[in-house]
Amino acid sequence: MITIYGIKNCNSMKKAFDWLAANGIEYHFHDYKKSGIDVATLERWASEAGWKKLLNTQGLTWRGLEESEKQDIDAARAIALMVAKPSLIKRPVIEGGRQLLVGLDESAFAAALKD
């Protein structure tokens, strides 16, 4: 079974949930707001997908950071920020298919999750 990670009330998450339901794909949902996320998981994802792909620099949380927090970002700093503020993780992240999926991309969902 796949696990979908994100925040329940996010529009991208709602679209991902709808896509999974429409395609009959069962999943477990991990809510960052309730359960958090650990460094080891983020490090694993970063090694597979790249930390730059994981870090959501388009959202309100990123824009709300101090300029000093945004400067000289590398993998370790990005992961520390994402642990502290899980809203900085691009949504959704889906594990358990043929590959780790980051972001809302229905064609990638189909390629990785459908038989």
Protein backbone atom coordinates (compact mmCIF):
# COMPACT_ATOMS: atom_id res chain seq x y z
CA MET A 1 0.00 0.00 0.00
CA ILE A 2 1.19 3.51 -0.72
CA THR A 3 1.56 6.32 1.77
CA ILE A 4 0.66 9.87 0.83
CA TYR A 5 2.25 12.62 2.91
CA GLY A 6 0.97 16.15 3.28
CA ILE A 7 -1.47 18.47 4.98
CA LYS A 8 -5.14 17.58 4.92
CA ASN A 9 -6.61 20.96 3.93
CA CYS A 10 -4.18 21.69 1.08
CA ASN A 11 -5.72 22.04 -2.40
CA SER A 12 -3.00 19.91 -3.99
CA MET A 13 -3.66 17.20 -1.42
CA LYS A 14 -7.40 17.29 -2.09
CA LYS A 15 -6.73 16.83 -5.82
CA ALA A 16 -4.34 13.96 -5.09
CA PHE A 17 -6.88 12.26 -2.80
CA ASP A 18 -9.53 12.64 -5.51
CA TRP A 19 -7.20 11.15 -8.15
CA LEU A 20 -6.34 8.18 -5.91
CA ALA A 21 -10.02 7.54 -5.15
CA ALA A 22 -11.04 7.83 -8.81
CA ASN A 23 -8.37 5.29 -9.74
CA GLY A 24 -9.22 2.85 -6.95
CA ILE A 25 -5.84 3.16 -5.25
CA GLU A 26 -5.79 2.47 -1.53
CA TYR A 27 -3.48 4.55 0.59
CA HIS A 28 -2.42 5.50 4.08
CA PHE A 29 -2.35 9.25 4.80
CA HIS A 30 0.43 10.80 6.91
CA ASP A 31 -0.53 14.30 8.06
CA TYR A 32 2.52 16.46 8.78
CA LYS A 33 0.46 18.76 11.02
CA LYS A 34 -0.54 15.89 13.30
CA SER A 35 2.39 13.49 13.02
CA GLY A 36 5.35 15.62 11.93
CA ILE A 37 8.18 14.25 9.83
CA ASP A 38 11.59 12.98 10.84
CA VAL A 39 15.06 13.81 9.57
CA ALA A 40 15.75 10.26 8.37
CA THR A 41 12.67 10.24 6.13
CA LEU A 42 13.53 13.62 4.64
CA GLU A 43 17.15 12.57 4.08
CA ARG A 44 15.96 9.42 2.28
CA TRP A 45 13.58 11.45 0.11
CA ALA A 46 16.27 14.04 -0.61
CA SER A 47 18.69 11.32 -1.74
CA GLU A 48 16.02 9.91 -4.08
CA ALA A 49 14.28 13.03 -5.41
CA GLY A 50 16.64 15.85 -4.47
CA TRP A 51 16.17 18.35 -1.64
CA LYS A 52 15.46 21.18 -4.07
CA LYS A 53 12.45 19.29 -5.41
CA LEU A 54 11.17 18.66 -1.87
CA LEU A 55 11.50 22.25 -0.64
CA ASN A 56 8.43 24.33 -1.47
CA THR A 57 9.76 27.81 -2.17
CA GLN A 58 6.49 29.02 -3.71
CA GLY A 59 4.26 28.91 -0.63
CA LEU A 60 3.36 31.27 2.18
CA THR A 61 5.57 29.49 4.69
CA TRP A 62 8.69 30.12 2.58
CA ARG A 63 7.73 33.75 2.02
CA GLY A 64 7.24 34.12 5.78
CA LEU A 65 10.78 33.03 6.63
CA GLU A 66 13.41 35.55 7.60
CA GLU A 67 15.78 36.37 4.76
CA SER A 68 18.64 34.95 6.81
CA GLU A 69 16.85 31.56 6.90
CA LYS A 70 16.58 31.51 3.10
CA GLN A 71 20.21 32.33 2.37
CA ASP A 72 22.89 29.73 1.72
CA ILE A 73 20.39 26.86 1.65
CA ASP A 74 21.95 23.43 1.27
CA ALA A 75 20.52 19.96 1.87
CA ALA A 76 21.15 19.96 5.64
CA ARG A 77 19.62 23.40 6.17
CA ALA A 78 16.67 22.62 3.91
CA ILE A 79 15.95 19.40 5.81
CA ALA A 80 16.20 21.18 9.17
CA LEU A 81 13.74 23.83 7.94
CA MET A 82 11.33 21.16 6.62
CA VAL A 83 11.42 19.29 9.94
CA ALA A 84 10.71 22.51 11.84
CA LYS A 85 8.07 23.72 9.37
CA PRO A 86 6.56 20.77 7.45
CA SER A 87 4.51 23.20 5.34
CA LEU A 88 7.79 23.79 3.50
CA ILE A 89 7.62 20.28 2.01
CA LYS A 90 6.12 20.22 -1.48
CA ARG A 91 2.83 18.35 -1.52
CA PRO A 92 1.95 15.62 -1.97
CA VAL A 93 4.79 13.18 -1.44
CA ILE A 94 3.79 9.63 -2.33
CA GLU A 95 5.83 6.57 -1.34
CA GLY A 96 5.29 2.94 -2.16
CA GLY A 97 4.77 3.01 -5.90
CA ARG A 98 7.40 2.43 -8.56
CA GLN A 99 9.15 5.66 -7.54
CA LEU A 100 8.95 8.46 -4.99
CA LEU A 101 6.51 11.10 -6.24
CA VAL A 102 6.83 14.74 -5.22
CA GLY A 103 4.19 17.29 -6.19
CA LEU A 104 0.88 17.03 -7.97
CA ASP A 105 1.45 15.38 -11.35
CA GLU A 106 -1.35 13.06 -12.44
CA SER A 107 0.62 11.63 -15.38
CA ALA A 108 3.46 10.70 -12.99
CA PHE A 109 0.86 9.24 -10.60
CA ALA A 110 -0.50 7.05 -13.42
CA ALA A 111 2.97 5.86 -14.48
CA ALA A 112 4.08 5.03 -10.94
CA LEU A 113 0.88 3.82 -9.29
CA LYS A 114 -1.31 2.09 -11.88
CA ASP A 115 -0.71 -1.49 -13.00
